[in-house]
Amino acid sequence: MSNSRLVYSTDDGDRRPRPVTAAPGRASTPSDGIVRVAREKAGRKGKTVTVVHGLPPAVVATAASDLKRHCGAGGTVKDGTIELQGDHREKAAARLTAQGYEVKLAGG
């Protein structure tokens, strides 16, 4: 009796097609040239964070530094977005508008 029937192999791996989705917990933001400033609390143990989406990648780091200094708050840059500690939507939107960006307040 021959043992020619293949029962299991790891040569090719999983060949099932996988759906392409956005990062978990983050909605994809449109790249329409509008900067969106939102307030978020989800996943941060109840702490309020101001999130700025839609800035050009070349200016995100300098804009984050400027906004942190202007708002008097800490913050970081994650995945091309700026996160400021606390609720600073109005201050951040006013500063970005003064710098020439089209700004919308997003979220609640």
Protein backbone atom coordinates (compact mmCIF):
# COMPACT_ATOMS: atom_id res chain seq x y z
CA MET A 1 0.00 0.00 0.00
CA SER A 2 1.38 3.39 -1.01
CA ASN A 3 1.34 6.45 1.19
CA SER A 4 0.90 8.94 -1.67
CA ARG A 5 -2.19 10.78 -0.49
CA LEU A 6 -1.18 14.17 1.02
CA VAL A 7 -3.01 14.78 4.27
CA TYR A 8 -1.28 17.87 5.64
CA SER A 9 1.39 20.26 4.37
CA THR A 10 2.82 23.60 5.47
CA ASP A 11 4.52 24.36 2.16
CA ASP A 12 2.03 26.86 0.76
CA GLY A 13 0.47 28.34 3.88
CA ASP A 14 -3.01 29.75 4.03
CA ARG A 15 -4.19 30.75 0.55
CA ARG A 16 -7.63 32.05 1.46
CA PRO A 17 -8.19 35.67 0.41
CA ARG A 18 -8.31 38.14 3.29
CA PRO A 19 -10.53 41.25 3.22
CA VAL A 20 -8.70 44.57 3.45
CA THR A 21 -9.92 46.60 6.41
CA ALA A 22 -8.87 49.72 8.27
CA ALA A 23 -6.96 49.49 11.52
CA PRO A 24 -9.14 48.23 14.38
CA GLY A 25 -10.79 51.01 16.33
CA ARG A 26 -9.89 53.68 13.77
CA ALA A 27 -12.09 54.83 10.96
CA SER A 28 -10.28 55.78 7.80
CA THR A 29 -10.20 59.51 7.29
CA PRO A 30 -10.85 61.04 3.89
CA SER A 31 -7.93 62.82 2.23
CA ASP A 32 -9.94 65.79 0.99
CA GLY A 33 -7.64 68.51 2.34
CA ILE A 34 -9.81 69.30 5.36
CA VAL A 35 -8.26 69.04 8.82
CA ARG A 36 -10.63 67.43 11.32
CA VAL A 37 -10.33 68.13 15.04
CA ALA A 38 -12.21 65.68 17.25
CA ARG A 39 -12.56 64.83 20.94
CA GLU A 40 -12.23 61.16 21.91
CA LYS A 41 -12.45 59.18 25.14
CA ALA A 42 -12.74 55.61 23.87
CA GLY A 43 -9.99 53.24 24.97
CA ARG A 44 -8.27 55.80 27.20
CA LYS A 45 -9.74 54.95 30.61
CA GLY A 46 -12.12 57.92 30.49
CA LYS A 47 -9.45 60.51 29.73
CA THR A 48 -10.36 63.09 27.08
CA VAL A 49 -8.01 63.49 24.13
CA THR A 50 -8.17 65.95 21.23
CA VAL A 51 -7.30 64.22 17.94
CA VAL A 52 -6.26 66.11 14.79
CA HIS A 53 -6.63 64.19 11.47
CA GLY A 54 -5.90 65.23 7.92
CA LEU A 55 -2.69 67.26 8.12
CA PRO A 56 -0.09 66.68 5.39
CA PRO A 57 2.49 64.10 6.57
CA ALA A 58 5.38 66.52 6.10
CA VAL A 59 4.06 68.99 8.71
CA VAL A 60 2.55 66.68 11.33
CA ALA A 61 5.54 66.76 13.70
CA THR A 62 5.99 70.55 13.59
CA ALA A 63 2.24 71.15 13.90
CA ALA A 64 2.09 68.80 16.91
CA SER A 65 4.87 70.70 18.64
CA ASP A 66 3.19 74.03 17.91
CA LEU A 67 -0.24 72.84 19.11
CA LYS A 68 1.14 71.33 22.31
CA ARG A 69 2.89 74.61 23.11
CA HIS A 70 -0.16 76.71 22.19
CA CYS A 71 -2.60 74.61 24.24
CA GLY A 72 -0.23 74.08 27.17
CA ALA A 73 -0.76 70.34 27.08
CA GLY A 74 1.14 67.16 26.40
CA GLY A 75 0.55 65.03 23.39
CA THR A 76 1.95 62.70 20.77
CA VAL A 77 1.88 61.79 17.09
CA LYS A 78 0.45 58.35 16.27
CA ASP A 79 -0.21 57.02 12.76
CA GLY A 80 -0.08 60.49 11.21
CA THR A 81 -2.55 61.99 13.67
CA ILE A 82 -1.91 64.37 16.54
CA GLU A 83 -3.25 63.51 20.00
CA LEU A 84 -3.39 66.31 22.58
CA GLN A 85 -4.14 65.55 26.23
CA GLY A 86 -7.41 67.17 27.27
CA ASP A 87 -10.25 68.92 25.45
CA HIS A 88 -8.61 71.60 23.29
CA ARG A 89 -10.78 71.44 20.16
CA GLU A 90 -11.54 75.15 19.94
CA LYS A 91 -7.96 76.26 20.64
CA ALA A 92 -6.48 73.78 18.17
CA ALA A 93 -9.03 74.63 15.46
CA ALA A 94 -8.41 78.37 15.89
CA ARG A 95 -4.63 77.89 15.69
CA LEU A 96 -4.83 75.70 12.57
CA THR A 97 -7.26 78.13 10.89
CA ALA A 98 -4.84 80.98 11.58
CA GLN A 99 -2.11 78.91 9.88
CA GLY A 100 -4.24 78.65 6.73
CA TYR A 101 -5.81 75.19 7.01
CA GLU A 102 -9.48 74.48 6.39
CA VAL A 103 -10.68 73.04 9.71
CA LYS A 104 -13.84 71.21 10.76
CA LEU A 105 -14.80 70.21 14.28
CA ALA A 106 -15.64 66.51 14.18
CA GLY A 107 -17.27 64.24 16.71
CA GLY A 108 -19.14 65.14 19.85
